[in-house]
C-alpha cells in the first residue's frame, strides 16, 4: 500500500514537471516597453567624466524556447525601437573662452540573446540573459564664442559599437498562448574615438528595465 501511494505521488510529480517544462516551449514574439538609463563615459573632457539620460522606449523580439525537464534554454533576436539619448554636456574652452556643446545618442540597437532558465512551476520561469549587441553611437557637437556659433566647428560623428549584455528576468503564464515578462539588463559597449579639433574618446552603456507581452505560436 505504501509503495502504491509512493508510485502515485511520483507519477503526479512527473506529470507536473512535464507540464511545467512545456509551458513556454516553441517560437514566440514579444513586444513591450522599457525604461532605459543610458550613460556615456568620456575619456578626454567632462566635469565628472560621465553624462547620462533616461527614456521610455519600445522593444520587440522573436524567440524560441525549449525545456529539458525543469530546465529551459531559450534564444532570440531583439531590437530597441527608436533612439536613446545617452547624455549631453557643455564644456568651457580655457584657451579661447568658447563653449563646446555635445549631445550623445544611441540608435539601431539590436542583438541576439541566450536565456538559460528554470521552470519554478507550470506558470512561472526564472531566467538569465546573455546578449551580444550592436548599436550606432552619434555625437552632435557645436562651438560658440561670445554666444555666436563658429562656422566650421559644428557637425556630428557616428560610430558603430559592439557590446555585451547580462540580465535576469521572470516569465509568467497568462493563457496557453500569452505570457508576460519582467526583465532588467545591463549592456556595456566598446570604446570609440573620433576627431573634431581634438580627439574625443567615449564609451556608452545602457541599463534596460521593462515589461512585455509574448505570444507563443
N, C-alpha and C. Protein backbone atom coordinates (compact mmCIF):
# COMPACT_ATOMS: atom_id res chain seq x y z
N UNK A 1 0.83 -1.20 0.00
CA UNK A 1 0.00 0.00 0.00
C UNK A 1 0.87 1.26 0.00
N UNK A 2 1.93 1.23 0.83
CA UNK A 2 2.83 2.38 0.90
C UNK A 2 3.53 2.59 -0.43
N UNK A 3 3.98 1.44 -1.03
CA UNK A 3 4.64 1.52 -2.33
C UNK A 3 3.69 2.07 -3.38
N UNK A 4 2.43 1.67 -3.32
CA UNK A 4 1.43 2.14 -4.27
C UNK A 4 1.23 3.65 -4.15
N UNK A 5 1.14 4.13 -2.90
CA UNK A 5 0.97 5.57 -2.69
C UNK A 5 2.20 6.35 -3.18
N UNK A 6 3.37 5.78 -2.92
CA UNK A 6 4.60 6.43 -3.37
C UNK A 6 4.64 6.52 -4.90
N UNK A 7 4.21 5.45 -5.56
CA UNK A 7 4.20 5.43 -7.03
C UNK A 7 3.25 6.47 -7.58
N UNK A 8 2.06 6.59 -6.96
CA UNK A 8 1.07 7.58 -7.41
C UNK A 8 1.60 9.00 -7.23
N UNK A 9 2.23 9.24 -6.05
CA UNK A 9 2.78 10.57 -5.78
C UNK A 9 3.88 10.91 -6.77
N UNK A 10 4.75 9.93 -7.05
CA UNK A 10 5.83 10.15 -8.00
C UNK A 10 5.29 10.42 -9.40
N UNK A 11 4.21 9.73 -9.75
CA UNK A 11 3.60 9.92 -11.07
C UNK A 11 3.05 11.33 -11.22
N UNK A 12 2.36 11.81 -10.17
CA UNK A 12 1.83 13.17 -10.21
C UNK A 12 2.96 14.19 -10.30
N UNK A 13 4.05 13.95 -9.59
CA UNK A 13 5.19 14.86 -9.63
C UNK A 13 5.79 14.90 -11.03
N UNK A 14 5.89 13.74 -11.66
CA UNK A 14 6.44 13.67 -13.02
C UNK A 14 5.54 14.40 -14.00
N UNK A 15 4.22 14.20 -13.87
CA UNK A 15 3.27 14.88 -14.75
C UNK A 15 3.36 16.38 -14.57
N UNK A 16 3.51 16.83 -13.31
CA UNK A 16 3.63 18.25 -13.03
C UNK A 16 4.87 18.83 -13.67
N UNK A 17 6.00 18.07 -13.60
CA UNK A 17 7.25 18.53 -14.19
C UNK A 17 7.14 18.65 -15.69
N UNK A 18 6.52 17.66 -16.34
CA UNK A 18 6.35 17.70 -17.78
C UNK A 18 5.49 18.88 -18.19
N UNK A 19 4.42 19.12 -17.40
CA UNK A 19 3.53 20.25 -17.68
C UNK A 19 4.29 21.56 -17.59
N UNK A 20 5.12 21.69 -16.52
CA UNK A 20 5.89 22.91 -16.34
C UNK A 20 6.89 23.08 -17.47
N UNK A 21 7.47 21.94 -17.89
CA UNK A 21 8.52 22.01 -18.90
C UNK A 21 8.01 22.56 -20.22
N UNK A 22 6.74 22.33 -20.56
CA UNK A 22 6.26 22.72 -21.87
C UNK A 22 5.55 24.05 -21.93
N UNK A 23 5.39 24.75 -20.81
CA UNK A 23 4.58 25.96 -20.77
C UNK A 23 5.07 27.04 -21.73
N UNK A 24 6.38 27.26 -21.80
CA UNK A 24 6.92 28.34 -22.61
C UNK A 24 7.65 27.85 -23.86
N UNK A 25 7.48 26.56 -24.19
CA UNK A 25 8.20 25.98 -25.32
C UNK A 25 7.67 26.48 -26.66
N UNK A 26 8.58 26.54 -27.64
CA UNK A 26 8.19 26.89 -29.00
C UNK A 26 8.58 28.30 -29.41
N UNK A 27 8.27 28.69 -30.65
CA UNK A 27 8.55 30.05 -31.12
C UNK A 27 7.56 31.05 -30.54
N UNK A 28 8.01 32.28 -30.39
CA UNK A 28 7.13 33.32 -29.85
C UNK A 28 7.61 34.69 -30.32
N UNK A 29 6.73 35.66 -30.18
CA UNK A 29 7.05 37.06 -30.46
C UNK A 29 6.70 37.87 -29.23
N UNK A 30 7.56 38.83 -28.87
CA UNK A 30 7.34 39.66 -27.69
C UNK A 30 7.37 41.14 -28.07
N UNK A 31 6.52 41.91 -27.43
CA UNK A 31 6.51 43.36 -27.58
C UNK A 31 6.32 43.97 -26.21
N UNK A 32 7.05 45.04 -25.94
CA UNK A 32 6.93 45.64 -24.62
C UNK A 32 7.48 47.04 -24.57
N UNK A 33 7.54 47.57 -23.35
CA UNK A 33 8.06 48.91 -23.12
C UNK A 33 9.05 48.84 -21.97
N UNK A 34 10.13 49.60 -22.11
CA UNK A 34 11.15 49.59 -21.08
C UNK A 34 11.55 51.00 -20.69
N UNK A 35 12.07 51.12 -19.48
CA UNK A 35 12.63 52.38 -19.01
C UNK A 35 14.14 52.24 -19.08
N UNK A 36 14.77 53.00 -19.96
CA UNK A 36 16.20 52.87 -20.21
C UNK A 36 16.99 54.01 -19.57
N UNK A 37 18.13 53.67 -18.99
CA UNK A 37 19.08 54.66 -18.49
C UNK A 37 20.38 54.46 -19.27
N UNK A 38 20.70 55.42 -20.14
CA UNK A 38 21.90 55.32 -20.98
C UNK A 38 22.96 56.29 -20.46
N UNK A 39 24.20 55.85 -20.51
CA UNK A 39 25.31 56.65 -19.98
C UNK A 39 26.46 56.66 -20.98
N UNK A 40 27.16 57.78 -21.05
CA UNK A 40 28.37 57.89 -21.86
C UNK A 40 29.52 58.28 -20.96
N UNK A 41 30.57 57.46 -20.96
CA UNK A 41 31.78 57.75 -20.21
C UNK A 41 32.77 58.41 -21.15
N UNK A 42 33.21 59.61 -20.80
CA UNK A 42 34.11 60.40 -21.64
C UNK A 42 35.52 60.35 -21.09
N UNK A 43 36.48 60.08 -21.96
CA UNK A 43 37.86 59.92 -21.53
C UNK A 43 38.65 61.22 -21.58
N UNK A 44 38.21 62.19 -22.38
CA UNK A 44 39.06 63.33 -22.68
C UNK A 44 38.65 64.63 -22.00
N UNK A 45 37.36 64.90 -21.92
CA UNK A 45 36.95 66.09 -21.19
C UNK A 45 35.52 65.96 -20.74
N UNK A 46 35.27 66.39 -19.54
CA UNK A 46 33.94 66.46 -18.94
C UNK A 46 34.14 66.80 -17.47
N UNK A 47 33.24 67.56 -16.87
CA UNK A 47 33.42 67.88 -15.46
C UNK A 47 33.55 66.64 -14.58
N UNK A 48 32.77 65.60 -14.84
CA UNK A 48 32.85 64.41 -14.00
C UNK A 48 33.16 63.14 -14.79
N UNK A 49 33.36 63.27 -16.10
CA UNK A 49 33.72 62.12 -16.91
C UNK A 49 32.55 61.28 -17.38
N UNK A 50 31.33 61.56 -16.90
CA UNK A 50 30.17 60.76 -17.28
C UNK A 50 28.95 61.66 -17.47
N UNK A 51 28.17 61.36 -18.51
CA UNK A 51 26.89 62.04 -18.73
C UNK A 51 25.85 60.96 -19.00
N UNK A 52 24.59 61.27 -18.75
CA UNK A 52 23.56 60.24 -18.88
C UNK A 52 22.21 60.85 -19.23
N UNK A 53 21.28 59.97 -19.61
CA UNK A 53 19.92 60.38 -19.93
C UNK A 53 19.00 59.17 -19.76
N UNK A 54 17.72 59.42 -19.60
CA UNK A 54 16.74 58.33 -19.45
C UNK A 54 15.59 58.53 -20.43
N UNK A 55 14.96 57.40 -20.78
CA UNK A 55 13.86 57.47 -21.74
C UNK A 55 13.07 56.17 -21.70
N UNK A 56 11.76 56.26 -21.95
CA UNK A 56 10.93 55.07 -22.13
C UNK A 56 10.90 54.72 -23.61
N UNK A 57 11.22 53.47 -23.94
CA UNK A 57 11.29 53.05 -25.34
C UNK A 57 10.57 51.72 -25.53
N UNK A 58 10.21 51.42 -26.76
CA UNK A 58 9.59 50.14 -27.09
C UNK A 58 10.63 49.09 -27.43
N UNK A 59 10.27 47.83 -27.21
CA UNK A 59 11.15 46.71 -27.52
C UNK A 59 10.37 45.63 -28.26
N UNK A 60 11.05 44.94 -29.16
CA UNK A 60 10.44 43.87 -29.94
C UNK A 60 11.44 42.73 -30.07
N UNK A 61 10.95 41.48 -29.95
CA UNK A 61 11.86 40.33 -30.08
C UNK A 61 11.15 39.12 -30.65
N UNK A 62 11.93 38.27 -31.32
CA UNK A 62 11.49 36.96 -31.79
C UNK A 62 12.30 35.92 -31.04
N UNK A 63 11.63 34.88 -30.51
CA UNK A 63 12.31 33.95 -29.61
C UNK A 63 11.93 32.51 -29.89
N UNK A 64 12.78 31.61 -29.39
CA UNK A 64 12.47 30.19 -29.41
C UNK A 64 12.90 29.60 -28.08
N UNK A 65 12.03 28.77 -27.49
CA UNK A 65 12.28 28.22 -26.17
C UNK A 65 12.08 26.71 -26.17
N UNK A 66 12.96 25.99 -25.44
CA UNK A 66 12.86 24.54 -25.34
C UNK A 66 13.24 24.10 -23.93
N UNK A 67 12.37 23.31 -23.31
CA UNK A 67 12.62 22.83 -21.95
C UNK A 67 13.19 21.42 -21.95
N UNK A 68 14.02 21.16 -20.94
CA UNK A 68 14.61 19.85 -20.70
C UNK A 68 14.36 19.52 -19.23
N UNK A 69 13.21 18.87 -18.97
CA UNK A 69 12.80 18.70 -17.59
C UNK A 69 12.40 20.05 -17.02
N UNK A 70 12.94 20.36 -15.85
CA UNK A 70 12.64 21.66 -15.24
C UNK A 70 13.50 22.78 -15.80
N UNK A 71 14.54 22.43 -16.54
CA UNK A 71 15.43 23.44 -17.09
C UNK A 71 14.97 23.86 -18.49
N UNK A 72 15.33 25.08 -18.86
CA UNK A 72 14.89 25.64 -20.14
C UNK A 72 16.05 26.36 -20.82
N UNK A 73 16.09 26.28 -22.13
CA UNK A 73 17.06 27.05 -22.91
C UNK A 73 16.31 27.81 -24.00
N UNK A 74 16.49 29.11 -24.01
CA UNK A 74 15.81 29.96 -25.00
C UNK A 74 16.83 30.86 -25.68
N UNK A 75 16.45 31.36 -26.83
CA UNK A 75 17.29 32.30 -27.56
C UNK A 75 16.42 33.18 -28.42
N UNK A 76 16.98 34.29 -28.86
CA UNK A 76 16.17 35.18 -29.67
C UNK A 76 16.95 36.31 -30.30
N UNK A 77 16.23 37.09 -31.10
CA UNK A 77 16.75 38.30 -31.72
C UNK A 77 15.87 39.45 -31.24
N UNK A 78 16.48 40.54 -30.79
CA UNK A 78 15.70 41.65 -30.23
C UNK A 78 16.17 42.98 -30.81
N UNK A 79 15.29 43.97 -30.74
CA UNK A 79 15.63 45.31 -31.19
C UNK A 79 14.95 46.34 -30.30
N UNK A 80 15.60 47.47 -30.14
CA UNK A 80 15.03 48.60 -29.42
C UNK A 80 14.44 49.56 -30.44
N UNK A 81 13.19 49.93 -30.28
CA UNK A 81 12.51 50.80 -31.23
C UNK A 81 12.86 52.26 -30.96
N UNK A 82 13.32 52.96 -31.99
CA UNK A 82 13.67 54.36 -31.82
C UNK A 82 15.09 54.55 -31.33
N UNK A 83 15.38 55.74 -30.86
CA UNK A 83 16.72 56.08 -30.39
C UNK A 83 16.70 56.42 -28.91
N UNK A 84 17.88 56.50 -28.32
CA UNK A 84 18.02 56.74 -26.89
C UNK A 84 19.13 57.76 -26.65
N UNK A 85 18.79 58.91 -26.09
CA UNK A 85 19.83 59.87 -25.71
C UNK A 85 20.69 59.27 -24.60
N UNK A 86 21.99 59.51 -24.69
CA UNK A 86 22.89 58.96 -23.67
C UNK A 86 23.73 60.05 -23.02
N UNK A 87 23.18 61.25 -22.94
CA UNK A 87 23.84 62.32 -22.21
C UNK A 87 24.22 63.50 -23.08
N UNK A 88 24.42 64.65 -22.44
CA UNK A 88 24.89 65.85 -23.12
C UNK A 88 25.71 66.68 -22.14
N UNK A 89 26.52 67.59 -22.69
CA UNK A 89 27.34 68.43 -21.82
C UNK A 89 27.70 69.73 -22.52
N UNK A 90 28.09 70.71 -21.70
CA UNK A 90 28.65 71.98 -22.18
C UNK A 90 30.00 72.13 -21.52
N UNK A 91 31.03 72.33 -22.35
CA UNK A 91 32.40 72.36 -21.85
C UNK A 91 33.05 73.70 -22.21
N UNK A 92 33.68 74.34 -21.22
CA UNK A 92 34.33 75.64 -21.41
C UNK A 92 35.75 75.46 -21.92
N UNK A 93 36.10 76.18 -22.98
CA UNK A 93 37.45 76.14 -23.53
C UNK A 93 38.31 77.21 -22.85
N UNK A 94 39.29 76.77 -22.09
CA UNK A 94 40.15 77.70 -21.37
C UNK A 94 40.96 78.57 -22.33
N UNK A 95 41.38 77.99 -23.44
CA UNK A 95 42.25 78.72 -24.38
C UNK A 95 41.52 79.85 -25.09
N UNK A 96 40.28 79.63 -25.50
CA UNK A 96 39.58 80.62 -26.32
C UNK A 96 38.41 81.30 -25.61
N UNK A 97 37.93 80.70 -24.54
CA UNK A 97 36.77 81.26 -23.86
C UNK A 97 35.45 80.85 -24.47
N UNK A 98 35.49 79.96 -25.46
CA UNK A 98 34.28 79.49 -26.11
C UNK A 98 33.65 78.31 -25.37
N UNK A 99 32.49 77.89 -25.86
CA UNK A 99 31.73 76.80 -25.24
C UNK A 99 31.51 75.69 -26.26
N UNK A 100 31.93 74.47 -25.91
CA UNK A 100 31.61 73.28 -26.70
C UNK A 100 30.34 72.65 -26.15
N UNK A 101 29.42 72.31 -27.04
CA UNK A 101 28.21 71.59 -26.64
C UNK A 101 28.20 70.24 -27.35
N UNK A 102 27.97 69.18 -26.60
CA UNK A 102 27.93 67.83 -27.16
C UNK A 102 26.65 67.13 -26.72
N UNK A 103 26.04 66.38 -27.64
CA UNK A 103 24.89 65.54 -27.32
C UNK A 103 25.14 64.15 -27.87
N UNK A 104 24.96 63.14 -27.02
CA UNK A 104 25.23 61.76 -27.40
C UNK A 104 23.92 60.98 -27.51
N UNK A 105 23.90 60.04 -28.46
CA UNK A 105 22.68 59.28 -28.72
C UNK A 105 23.03 57.87 -29.19
N UNK A 106 22.21 56.89 -28.80
CA UNK A 106 22.31 55.52 -29.29
C UNK A 106 21.09 55.22 -30.16
N UNK A 107 21.32 54.57 -31.29
CA UNK A 107 20.22 54.17 -32.16
C UNK A 107 20.56 52.84 -32.83
N UNK A 108 19.58 52.28 -33.54
CA UNK A 108 19.77 50.99 -34.22
C UNK A 108 20.30 49.92 -33.26
N UNK A 109 19.76 49.91 -32.06
CA UNK A 109 20.20 48.93 -31.06
C UNK A 109 19.49 47.60 -31.31
N UNK A 110 20.26 46.54 -31.53
CA UNK A 110 19.69 45.21 -31.73
C UNK A 110 20.71 44.17 -31.29
N UNK A 111 20.25 42.95 -31.09
CA UNK A 111 21.18 41.92 -30.66
C UNK A 111 20.56 40.53 -30.67
N UNK A 112 21.38 39.57 -30.31
CA UNK A 112 20.93 38.19 -30.14
C UNK A 112 21.19 37.78 -28.70
N UNK A 113 20.36 36.90 -28.18
CA UNK A 113 20.48 36.53 -26.77
C UNK A 113 20.35 35.03 -26.57
N UNK A 114 20.96 34.54 -25.50
CA UNK A 114 20.78 33.19 -25.00
C UNK A 114 20.24 33.31 -23.58
N UNK A 115 19.18 32.55 -23.27
CA UNK A 115 18.49 32.71 -21.98
C UNK A 115 18.29 31.36 -21.30
N UNK A 116 19.25 30.90 -20.51
CA UNK A 116 19.03 29.68 -19.73
C UNK A 116 18.07 29.96 -18.58
N UNK A 117 17.10 29.07 -18.37
CA UNK A 117 16.09 29.32 -17.35
C UNK A 117 15.74 28.09 -16.55
N UNK A 118 14.92 28.32 -15.53
CA UNK A 118 14.44 27.24 -14.68
C UNK A 118 12.95 27.43 -14.44
N UNK A 119 12.16 26.37 -14.70
CA UNK A 119 10.72 26.43 -14.50
C UNK A 119 10.39 26.23 -13.02
N UNK A 120 9.98 27.30 -12.36
CA UNK A 120 9.65 27.22 -10.93
C UNK A 120 8.38 26.42 -10.70
N UNK A 121 7.43 26.54 -11.61
CA UNK A 121 6.22 25.73 -11.61
C UNK A 121 5.63 25.78 -13.01
N UNK A 122 4.38 25.38 -13.19
CA UNK A 122 3.81 25.34 -14.54
C UNK A 122 3.41 26.71 -15.06
N UNK A 123 3.62 27.77 -14.26
CA UNK A 123 3.22 29.11 -14.69
C UNK A 123 4.34 30.15 -14.63
N UNK A 124 5.45 29.83 -13.98
CA UNK A 124 6.50 30.83 -13.75
C UNK A 124 7.87 30.25 -14.10
N UNK A 125 8.66 31.05 -14.79
CA UNK A 125 10.03 30.66 -15.14
C UNK A 125 10.98 31.81 -14.84
N UNK A 126 12.09 31.52 -14.16
CA UNK A 126 13.15 32.50 -13.94
C UNK A 126 14.29 32.21 -14.92
N UNK A 127 14.93 33.26 -15.42
CA UNK A 127 15.99 33.04 -16.41
C UNK A 127 17.07 34.12 -16.32
N UNK A 128 18.23 33.76 -16.84
CA UNK A 128 19.33 34.71 -17.03
C UNK A 128 19.43 35.02 -18.52
N UNK A 129 20.00 36.18 -18.84
CA UNK A 129 20.09 36.59 -20.25
C UNK A 129 21.50 37.05 -20.57
N UNK A 130 22.08 36.45 -21.61
CA UNK A 130 23.39 36.84 -22.10
C UNK A 130 23.24 37.31 -23.55
N UNK A 131 23.72 38.52 -23.84
CA UNK A 131 23.45 39.13 -25.15
C UNK A 131 24.72 39.62 -25.83
N UNK A 132 24.70 39.55 -27.15
CA UNK A 132 25.68 40.24 -27.99
C UNK A 132 24.90 41.33 -28.73
N UNK A 133 25.34 42.58 -28.60
CA UNK A 133 24.53 43.72 -29.03
C UNK A 133 25.31 44.61 -30.01
N UNK A 134 24.60 45.18 -30.95
CA UNK A 134 25.15 46.16 -31.89
C UNK A 134 24.36 47.46 -31.76
N UNK A 135 25.03 48.60 -31.97
CA UNK A 135 24.35 49.89 -31.90
C UNK A 135 25.15 50.93 -32.67
N UNK A 136 24.47 52.01 -33.02
CA UNK A 136 25.12 53.17 -33.62
C UNK A 136 25.17 54.28 -32.58
N UNK A 137 26.36 54.78 -32.31
CA UNK A 137 26.53 55.90 -31.39
C UNK A 137 26.77 57.18 -32.17
N UNK A 138 26.09 58.24 -31.80
CA UNK A 138 26.23 59.50 -32.53
C UNK A 138 26.48 60.65 -31.56
N UNK A 139 27.43 61.50 -31.92
CA UNK A 139 27.69 62.71 -31.16
C UNK A 139 27.45 63.92 -32.05
N UNK A 140 26.53 64.78 -31.63
CA UNK A 140 26.28 66.04 -32.33
C UNK A 140 26.92 67.16 -31.52
N UNK A 141 27.73 67.99 -32.16
CA UNK A 141 28.51 68.98 -31.42
C UNK A 141 28.47 70.34 -32.12
N UNK A 142 28.70 71.39 -31.34
CA UNK A 142 28.89 72.72 -31.90
C UNK A 142 29.74 73.55 -30.94
N UNK A 143 30.22 74.67 -31.45
CA UNK A 143 31.12 75.53 -30.68
C UNK A 143 30.66 76.97 -30.82
N UNK A 144 30.49 77.65 -29.71
CA UNK A 144 30.07 79.05 -29.73
C UNK A 144 31.11 79.92 -29.03
N UNK A 145 31.31 81.11 -29.56
CA UNK A 145 32.23 82.09 -28.98
C UNK A 145 31.47 83.40 -28.85
N UNK A 146 31.38 83.90 -27.63
CA UNK A 146 30.60 85.11 -27.35
C UNK A 146 29.15 84.92 -27.81
N UNK A 147 28.60 83.72 -27.52
CA UNK A 147 27.21 83.36 -27.84
C UNK A 147 26.93 83.26 -29.33
N UNK A 148 27.98 83.25 -30.16
CA UNK A 148 27.81 83.15 -31.61
C UNK A 148 28.38 81.83 -32.11
N UNK A 149 27.59 81.02 -32.84
CA UNK A 149 28.12 79.77 -33.39
C UNK A 149 29.30 80.05 -34.31
N UNK A 150 30.33 79.24 -34.19
CA UNK A 150 31.53 79.39 -35.02
C UNK A 150 31.41 78.47 -36.23
N UNK A 151 31.46 79.06 -37.42
CA UNK A 151 31.33 78.28 -38.65
C UNK A 151 32.47 77.27 -38.76
N UNK A 152 32.12 76.06 -39.16
CA UNK A 152 33.12 75.01 -39.31
C UNK A 152 33.36 74.20 -38.06
N UNK A 153 32.83 74.65 -36.92
CA UNK A 153 33.03 73.92 -35.66
C UNK A 153 31.73 73.31 -35.17
N UNK A 154 30.91 72.86 -36.08
CA UNK A 154 29.66 72.17 -35.74
C UNK A 154 29.49 70.99 -36.68
N UNK A 155 28.87 69.95 -36.18
CA UNK A 155 28.66 68.78 -37.01
C UNK A 155 28.29 67.58 -36.16
N UNK A 156 28.55 66.41 -36.68
CA UNK A 156 28.24 65.19 -35.95
C UNK A 156 29.18 64.07 -36.39
N UNK A 157 29.32 63.08 -35.55
CA UNK A 157 30.14 61.91 -35.84
C UNK A 157 29.39 60.67 -35.39
N UNK A 158 29.37 59.64 -36.24
CA UNK A 158 28.67 58.38 -35.91
C UNK A 158 29.67 57.23 -35.89
N UNK A 159 29.49 56.34 -34.94
CA UNK A 159 30.35 55.18 -34.78
C UNK A 159 29.50 53.93 -34.55
N UNK A 160 29.97 52.80 -35.05
CA UNK A 160 29.33 51.52 -34.77
C UNK A 160 29.93 50.93 -33.50
N UNK A 161 29.06 50.49 -32.60
CA UNK A 161 29.50 49.93 -31.33
C UNK A 161 29.10 48.47 -31.20
N UNK A 162 29.98 47.68 -30.62
CA UNK A 162 29.68 46.31 -30.23
C UNK A 162 29.58 46.26 -28.72
N UNK A 163 28.69 45.42 -28.21
CA UNK A 163 28.53 45.34 -26.76
C UNK A 163 28.11 43.96 -26.30
N UNK A 164 28.20 43.76 -25.00
CA UNK A 164 27.73 42.53 -24.37
C UNK A 164 26.80 42.89 -23.23
N UNK A 165 25.78 42.07 -23.04
CA UNK A 165 24.80 42.34 -22.00
C UNK A 165 24.58 41.16 -21.09
N UNK A 166 24.21 41.46 -19.85
CA UNK A 166 23.82 40.43 -18.90
C UNK A 166 22.58 40.91 -18.16
N UNK A 167 21.59 40.03 -18.03
CA UNK A 167 20.37 40.40 -17.33
C UNK A 167 19.69 39.21 -16.69
N UNK A 168 18.62 39.49 -15.98
CA UNK A 168 17.79 38.46 -15.37
C UNK A 168 16.33 38.83 -15.60
N UNK A 169 15.47 37.82 -15.58
CA UNK A 169 14.06 38.08 -15.80
C UNK A 169 13.18 36.96 -15.31
N UNK A 170 11.88 37.21 -15.38
CA UNK A 170 10.87 36.24 -14.99
C UNK A 170 9.78 36.22 -16.06
N UNK A 171 9.40 35.02 -16.49
CA UNK A 171 8.25 34.83 -17.38
C UNK A 171 7.10 34.26 -16.57
N UNK A 172 5.88 34.68 -16.89
CA UNK A 172 4.71 34.14 -16.21
C UNK A 172 3.58 33.91 -17.21
N UNK A 173 2.92 32.80 -17.05
CA UNK A 173 1.85 32.40 -17.95
C UNK A 173 0.60 33.25 -17.73
N UNK A 174 -0.01 33.70 -18.83
CA UNK A 174 -1.29 34.41 -18.78
C UNK A 174 -2.40 33.51 -19.31
N UNK A 175 -2.21 32.99 -20.51
CA UNK A 175 -3.10 31.97 -21.09
C UNK A 175 -2.20 30.93 -21.74
N UNK A 176 -2.78 29.97 -22.43
CA UNK A 176 -1.97 28.97 -23.12
C UNK A 176 -1.10 29.59 -24.21
N UNK A 177 -1.54 30.70 -24.80
CA UNK A 177 -0.77 31.35 -25.85
C UNK A 177 -0.02 32.59 -25.38
N UNK A 178 -0.51 33.26 -24.36
CA UNK A 178 0.07 34.53 -23.92
C UNK A 178 0.87 34.36 -22.64
N UNK A 179 1.97 35.12 -22.56
CA UNK A 179 2.76 35.17 -21.33
C UNK A 179 3.32 36.58 -21.15
N UNK A 180 3.71 36.89 -19.95
CA UNK A 180 4.32 38.18 -19.66
C UNK A 180 5.75 38.01 -19.19
N UNK A 181 6.55 39.06 -19.29
CA UNK A 181 7.92 39.04 -18.78
C UNK A 181 8.22 40.33 -18.04
N UNK A 182 9.08 40.20 -17.04
CA UNK A 182 9.67 41.34 -16.34
C UNK A 182 11.18 41.12 -16.40
N UNK A 183 11.93 42.11 -16.87
CA UNK A 183 13.35 41.88 -17.15
C UNK A 183 14.18 43.13 -16.90
N UNK A 184 15.43 42.92 -16.47
CA UNK A 184 16.40 44.01 -16.36
C UNK A 184 17.71 43.52 -16.96
N UNK A 185 18.39 44.40 -17.70
CA UNK A 185 19.64 44.03 -18.38
C UNK A 185 20.59 45.21 -18.42
N UNK A 186 21.89 44.93 -18.24
CA UNK A 186 22.94 45.94 -18.36
C UNK A 186 23.78 45.60 -19.59
N UNK A 187 23.96 46.59 -20.48
CA UNK A 187 24.74 46.41 -21.70
C UNK A 187 25.92 47.37 -21.69
N UNK A 188 27.13 46.85 -21.88
CA UNK A 188 28.34 47.66 -21.99
C UNK A 188 28.85 47.61 -23.42
N UNK A 189 29.05 48.79 -24.01
CA UNK A 189 29.57 48.87 -25.37
C UNK A 189 31.07 49.17 -25.36
N UNK A 190 31.71 48.95 -26.50
CA UNK A 190 33.14 49.20 -26.58
C UNK A 190 33.43 50.69 -26.75
N UNK A 191 34.70 51.04 -26.54
CA UNK A 191 35.15 52.43 -26.61
C UNK A 191 35.48 52.81 -28.04
N UNK A 192 35.09 54.01 -28.44
CA UNK A 192 35.42 54.53 -29.77
C UNK A 192 35.97 55.96 -29.64
N UNK A 193 36.81 56.34 -30.61
CA UNK A 193 37.38 57.69 -30.64
C UNK A 193 37.09 58.34 -31.99
N UNK A 194 36.95 59.65 -31.99
CA UNK A 194 36.80 60.40 -33.23
C UNK A 194 37.49 61.75 -33.04
N UNK A 195 37.70 62.45 -34.12
CA UNK A 195 38.46 63.70 -34.07
C UNK A 195 37.62 64.85 -34.59
N UNK A 196 37.53 65.92 -33.77
CA UNK A 196 36.93 67.17 -34.25
C UNK A 196 38.10 68.15 -34.38
N UNK A 197 38.30 69.02 -33.41
CA UNK A 197 39.57 69.76 -33.34
C UNK A 197 40.48 69.11 -32.31
N UNK A 198 39.89 68.18 -31.53
CA UNK A 198 40.65 67.37 -30.58
C UNK A 198 40.14 65.94 -30.69
N UNK A 199 40.90 65.00 -30.15
CA UNK A 199 40.45 63.62 -30.13
C UNK A 199 39.50 63.42 -28.96
N UNK A 200 38.35 62.85 -29.22
CA UNK A 200 37.37 62.58 -28.17
C UNK A 200 37.11 61.08 -28.12
N UNK A 201 37.21 60.52 -26.94
CA UNK A 201 37.02 59.09 -26.73
C UNK A 201 35.85 58.87 -25.80
N UNK A 202 34.92 58.01 -26.19
CA UNK A 202 33.75 57.80 -25.36
C UNK A 202 33.31 56.34 -25.38
N UNK A 203 32.61 55.96 -24.31
CA UNK A 203 32.15 54.58 -24.14
C UNK A 203 30.72 54.61 -23.61
N UNK A 204 29.74 54.17 -24.40
CA UNK A 204 28.35 54.16 -23.93
C UNK A 204 27.99 52.88 -23.19
N UNK A 205 26.97 52.97 -22.37
CA UNK A 205 26.40 51.80 -21.70
C UNK A 205 24.90 52.04 -21.55
N UNK A 206 24.18 50.96 -21.28
CA UNK A 206 22.72 51.04 -21.26
C UNK A 206 22.16 50.07 -20.23
N UNK A 207 21.28 50.55 -19.37
CA UNK A 207 20.54 49.70 -18.44
C UNK A 207 19.07 49.73 -18.86
N UNK A 208 18.52 48.53 -19.13
CA UNK A 208 17.13 48.42 -19.57
C UNK A 208 16.32 47.68 -18.51
N UNK A 209 15.20 48.25 -18.14
CA UNK A 209 14.26 47.57 -17.24
C UNK A 209 12.88 47.70 -17.85
N UNK A 210 12.20 46.57 -18.07
CA UNK A 210 10.92 46.68 -18.74
C UNK A 210 10.01 45.48 -18.58
N UNK A 211 8.83 45.62 -19.14
CA UNK A 211 7.84 44.55 -19.14
C UNK A 211 7.40 44.32 -20.57
N UNK A 212 6.96 43.11 -20.88
CA UNK A 212 6.50 42.80 -22.23
C UNK A 212 5.45 41.70 -22.20
N UNK A 213 4.74 41.60 -23.29
CA UNK A 213 3.76 40.53 -23.50
C UNK A 213 4.24 39.68 -24.67
N UNK A 214 4.21 38.36 -24.49
CA UNK A 214 4.62 37.45 -25.54
C UNK A 214 3.47 36.60 -26.04
N UNK A 215 3.53 36.27 -27.32
CA UNK A 215 2.55 35.36 -27.93
C UNK A 215 3.29 34.13 -28.41
N UNK A 216 2.88 32.96 -27.92
CA UNK A 216 3.52 31.70 -28.28
C UNK A 216 2.75 31.05 -29.42
N UNK A 217 3.46 30.73 -30.51
CA UNK A 217 2.81 30.12 -31.68
C UNK A 217 2.58 28.63 -31.46
